[in-house]
Amino acid sequence: MTDSVEARAQTLGSYIAEERTTVRQAARRFGISKSTVHKDVTERLKSGNPALYAQVREILDINKSERHIRGGMATKEKYSKERDGRVTLSKDEPAAAR
């Protein structure tokens, strides 16, 4: 990542705006914590580049409004795999768990 905190905030903001990613995806991409990404794009970017901040804020608001849907889909997929027998249990688990 970059040396300057302000430059990092700009880079993260540009990435989120261009790729329309989540904070988690940006954190994974740049190898930093999601807390750092969130602080950079919500606090530091606001004072450094208000126009880019507005774009990022819009994307973050969309992501927040859709998160319950993504969570529900992940849960559905998890239990669908278990039901279809695609999840294998470890040999070390007790027989009652199988």
C-alpha atoms as a PDB file:
ATOM      1  CA  MET A   1       0.000   0.000   0.000  1.00  0.00           C
ATOM      2  CA  THR A   2       1.087   3.640  -0.125  1.00  0.00           C
ATOM      3  CA  ASP A   3       3.104   5.561   2.460  1.00  0.00           C
ATOM      4  CA  SER A   4       0.696   8.448   2.929  1.00  0.00           C
ATOM      5  CA  VAL A   5      -2.589   7.900   4.732  1.00  0.00           C
ATOM      6  CA  GLU A   6      -4.280  10.469   2.495  1.00  0.00           C
ATOM      7  CA  ALA A   7      -2.964   8.769  -0.649  1.00  0.00           C
ATOM      8  CA  ARG A   8      -4.166   5.404   0.664  1.00  0.00           C
ATOM      9  CA  ALA A   9      -7.624   6.864   1.261  1.00  0.00           C
ATOM     10  CA  GLN A  10      -7.676   8.205  -2.312  1.00  0.00           C
ATOM     11  CA  THR A  11      -6.572   4.845  -3.718  1.00  0.00           C
ATOM     12  CA  LEU A  12      -9.161   2.929  -1.714  1.00  0.00           C
ATOM     13  CA  GLY A  13     -11.904   5.390  -2.625  1.00  0.00           C
ATOM     14  CA  SER A  14     -11.062   5.190  -6.309  1.00  0.00           C
ATOM     15  CA  TYR A  15     -11.000   1.388  -6.183  1.00  0.00           C
ATOM     16  CA  ILE A  16     -14.373   1.143  -4.436  1.00  0.00           C
ATOM     17  CA  ALA A  17     -15.943   3.704  -6.786  1.00  0.00           C
ATOM     18  CA  GLU A  18     -14.592   2.124  -9.977  1.00  0.00           C
ATOM     19  CA  GLU A  19     -15.104  -1.525  -9.067  1.00  0.00           C
ATOM     20  CA  ARG A  20     -18.240  -1.001  -6.919  1.00  0.00           C
ATOM     21  CA  THR A  21     -16.812  -3.329  -4.281  1.00  0.00           C
ATOM     22  CA  THR A  22     -17.577  -3.859  -0.629  1.00  0.00           C
ATOM     23  CA  VAL A  23     -15.275  -2.749   2.180  1.00  0.00           C
ATOM     24  CA  ARG A  24     -14.329  -6.402   2.751  1.00  0.00           C
ATOM     25  CA  GLN A  25     -13.381  -6.886  -0.891  1.00  0.00           C
ATOM     26  CA  ALA A  26     -11.247  -3.736  -0.875  1.00  0.00           C
ATOM     27  CA  ALA A  27      -9.551  -4.792   2.364  1.00  0.00           C
ATOM     28  CA  ARG A  28      -8.749  -8.211   0.929  1.00  0.00           C
ATOM     29  CA  ARG A  29      -7.457  -6.670  -2.321  1.00  0.00           C
ATOM     30  CA  PHE A  30      -5.089  -4.248  -0.557  1.00  0.00           C
ATOM     31  CA  GLY A  31      -4.128  -6.507   2.337  1.00  0.00           C
ATOM     32  CA  ILE A  32      -5.346  -4.226   5.109  1.00  0.00           C
ATOM     33  CA  SER A  33      -8.109  -4.497   7.688  1.00  0.00           C
ATOM     34  CA  LYS A  34     -11.681  -3.634   6.844  1.00  0.00           C
ATOM     35  CA  SER A  35     -11.652  -1.186   9.771  1.00  0.00           C
ATOM     36  CA  THR A  36      -8.816   0.712   8.106  1.00  0.00           C
ATOM     37  CA  VAL A  37     -10.623   0.758   4.767  1.00  0.00           C
ATOM     38  CA  HIS A  38     -13.813   1.982   6.400  1.00  0.00           C
ATOM     39  CA  LYS A  39     -12.047   4.739   8.353  1.00  0.00           C
ATOM     40  CA  ASP A  40     -10.127   5.848   5.270  1.00  0.00           C
ATOM     41  CA  VAL A  41     -13.155   6.106   2.988  1.00  0.00           C
ATOM     42  CA  THR A  42     -15.623   7.501   5.503  1.00  0.00           C
ATOM     43  CA  GLU A  43     -13.485   9.935   7.510  1.00  0.00           C
ATOM     44  CA  ARG A  44     -10.229  10.726   5.729  1.00  0.00           C
ATOM     45  CA  LEU A  45     -11.676  10.833   2.222  1.00  0.00           C
ATOM     46  CA  LYS A  46     -14.476  13.179   3.317  1.00  0.00           C
ATOM     47  CA  SER A  47     -12.030  15.970   4.045  1.00  0.00           C
ATOM     48  CA  GLY A  48      -9.494  15.074   1.345  1.00  0.00           C
ATOM     49  CA  ASN A  49     -11.748  14.572  -1.688  1.00  0.00           C
ATOM     50  CA  PRO A  50     -15.432  15.371  -1.076  1.00  0.00           C
ATOM     51  CA  ALA A  51     -16.492  14.474  -4.631  1.00  0.00           C
ATOM     52  CA  LEU A  52     -14.970  10.990  -4.450  1.00  0.00           C
ATOM     53  CA  TYR A  53     -16.353  10.619  -0.925  1.00  0.00           C
ATOM     54  CA  ALA A  54     -19.877  11.222  -2.256  1.00  0.00           C
ATOM     55  CA  GLN A  55     -19.431   8.452  -4.854  1.00  0.00           C
ATOM     56  CA  VAL A  56     -18.056   6.018  -2.281  1.00  0.00           C
ATOM     57  CA  ARG A  57     -20.769   6.910   0.252  1.00  0.00           C
ATOM     58  CA  GLU A  58     -23.417   6.042  -2.337  1.00  0.00           C
ATOM     59  CA  ILE A  59     -21.834   2.619  -2.935  1.00  0.00           C
ATOM     60  CA  LEU A  60     -21.464   1.959   0.795  1.00  0.00           C
ATOM     61  CA  ASP A  61     -25.135   2.817   1.318  1.00  0.00           C
ATOM     62  CA  ILE A  62     -26.160   0.395  -1.445  1.00  0.00           C
ATOM     63  CA  ASN A  63     -23.970  -2.332   0.055  1.00  0.00           C
ATOM     64  CA  LYS A  64     -25.502  -1.741   3.468  1.00  0.00           C
ATOM     65  CA  SER A  65     -29.024  -1.970   2.106  1.00  0.00           C
ATOM     66  CA  GLU A  66     -28.205  -5.260   0.332  1.00  0.00           C
ATOM     67  CA  ARG A  67     -26.211  -6.994   3.057  1.00  0.00           C
ATOM     68  CA  HIS A  68     -29.169  -8.896   4.481  1.00  0.00           C
ATOM     69  CA  ILE A  69     -29.771 -10.380   1.035  1.00  0.00           C
ATOM     70  CA  ARG A  70     -26.151 -11.508   0.651  1.00  0.00           C
ATOM     71  CA  GLY A  71     -26.228 -13.004   4.146  1.00  0.00           C
ATOM     72  CA  GLY A  72     -29.420 -14.892   3.392  1.00  0.00           C
ATOM     73  CA  MET A  73     -27.993 -16.240   0.158  1.00  0.00           C
ATOM     74  CA  ALA A  74     -24.841 -17.451   1.933  1.00  0.00           C
ATOM     75  CA  THR A  75     -26.936 -19.224   4.568  1.00  0.00           C
ATOM     76  CA  LYS A  76     -29.142 -20.799   1.914  1.00  0.00           C
ATOM     77  CA  GLU A  77     -26.094 -22.051   0.030  1.00  0.00           C
ATOM     78  CA  LYS A  78     -24.553 -23.478   3.197  1.00  0.00           C
ATOM     79  CA  TYR A  79     -27.613 -25.506   4.118  1.00  0.00           C
ATOM     80  CA  SER A  80     -28.274 -26.484   0.517  1.00  0.00           C
ATOM     81  CA  LYS A  81     -24.809 -28.046   0.322  1.00  0.00           C
ATOM     82  CA  GLU A  82     -25.369 -29.917   3.582  1.00  0.00           C
ATOM     83  CA  ARG A  83     -28.753 -31.188   2.437  1.00  0.00           C
ATOM     84  CA  ASP A  84     -27.366 -32.392  -0.880  1.00  0.00           C
ATOM     85  CA  GLY A  85     -24.608 -34.305   0.899  1.00  0.00           C
ATOM     86  CA  ARG A  86     -21.824 -32.224  -0.582  1.00  0.00           C
ATOM     87  CA  VAL A  87     -20.423 -31.344   2.825  1.00  0.00           C
ATOM     88  CA  THR A  88     -18.335 -34.148   4.237  1.00  0.00           C
ATOM     89  CA  LEU A  89     -17.904 -34.510   7.953  1.00  0.00           C
ATOM     90  CA  SER A  90     -14.553 -35.325   9.450  1.00  0.00           C
ATOM     91  CA  LYS A  91     -13.788 -38.936  10.410  1.00  0.00           C
ATOM     92  CA  ASP A  92     -12.875 -37.641  13.856  1.00  0.00           C
ATOM     93  CA  GLU A  93     -16.406 -36.448  14.605  1.00  0.00           C
ATOM     94  CA  PRO A  94     -18.535 -38.630  16.864  1.00  0.00           C
ATOM     95  CA  ALA A  95     -21.011 -40.954  15.140  1.00  0.00           C
ATOM     96  CA  ALA A  96     -23.941 -38.988  16.580  1.00  0.00           C
ATOM     97  CA  ALA A  97     -22.831 -35.940  14.613  1.00  0.00           C
ATOM     98  CA  ARG A  98     -22.837 -37.810  11.311  1.00  0.00           C
END
